[in-house]
Amino acid sequence: MGMLPGTMLYVNAGNELSKVNRLEELISLEVVISLAALALVPFLIQWGTRQFQLRKAA
């Protein structure tokens, strides 16, 4: 994962988590999206890199 996108995702997730004052707020849309992006983006980057390499080799 690139440094800039990864850093931006970590900062955003940390920012959203810092706003949580109660346990119920962990399930807010902003927190869920931030954590989901943090989990999914590395896989998407890996998939995109693999697709690029396959097209380049063909």
Protein backbone atom coordinates (compact mmCIF):
# COMPACT_ATOMS: atom_id res chain seq x y z
CA MET A 1 0.00 0.00 0.00
CA GLY A 2 1.34 3.42 -0.86
CA MET A 3 2.45 5.70 1.92
CA LEU A 4 0.14 8.63 1.16
CA PRO A 5 -3.14 6.70 0.75
CA GLY A 6 -2.32 4.56 3.76
CA THR A 7 -1.49 7.57 5.89
CA MET A 8 -4.67 9.33 4.84
CA LEU A 9 -6.75 6.27 5.73
CA TYR A 10 -5.10 5.89 9.14
CA VAL A 11 -5.54 9.58 9.93
CA ASN A 12 -9.18 9.51 8.87
CA ALA A 13 -9.93 6.37 10.88
CA GLY A 14 -8.19 7.82 13.93
CA ASN A 15 -10.09 11.06 13.56
CA GLU A 16 -13.42 9.26 13.36
CA LEU A 17 -12.57 7.03 16.32
CA SER A 18 -11.57 10.06 18.40
CA LYS A 19 -15.14 11.35 18.04
CA VAL A 20 -16.58 8.24 19.70
CA ASN A 21 -17.82 8.96 23.22
CA ARG A 22 -20.19 6.03 23.69
CA LEU A 23 -20.11 2.41 22.59
CA GLU A 24 -23.16 2.96 20.36
CA GLU A 25 -21.23 5.54 18.33
CA LEU A 26 -18.82 2.84 17.12
CA ILE A 27 -21.54 1.73 14.71
CA SER A 28 -21.97 5.16 13.12
CA LEU A 29 -21.77 5.31 9.35
CA GLU A 30 -18.59 7.41 9.35
CA VAL A 31 -16.70 5.03 11.65
CA VAL A 32 -17.82 1.93 9.76
CA ILE A 33 -16.86 3.42 6.38
CA SER A 34 -13.47 4.56 7.68
CA LEU A 35 -12.62 1.16 9.12
CA ALA A 36 -13.94 -0.66 6.04
CA ALA A 37 -11.81 1.52 3.76
CA LEU A 38 -8.79 0.87 5.96
CA ALA A 39 -9.39 -2.87 5.57
CA LEU A 40 -10.33 -2.97 1.86
CA VAL A 41 -7.98 -0.51 0.17
CA PRO A 42 -4.85 -2.69 0.46
CA PHE A 43 -6.70 -5.55 -1.23
CA LEU A 44 -7.99 -3.25 -3.97
CA ILE A 45 -4.51 -1.87 -4.61
CA GLN A 46 -3.10 -5.40 -4.78
CA TRP A 47 -5.86 -6.47 -7.18
CA GLY A 48 -5.30 -3.40 -9.37
CA THR A 49 -1.56 -3.97 -9.47
CA ARG A 50 -2.09 -7.60 -10.47
CA GLN A 51 -4.52 -6.56 -13.23
CA PHE A 52 -2.04 -3.99 -14.52
CA GLN A 53 0.76 -6.57 -14.61
CA LEU A 54 -1.45 -9.10 -16.42
CA ARG A 55 -2.43 -6.56 -19.10
CA LYS A 56 1.16 -5.44 -19.48
CA ALA A 57 2.34 -9.04 -19.97
CA ALA A 58 -0.33 -9.80 -22.59
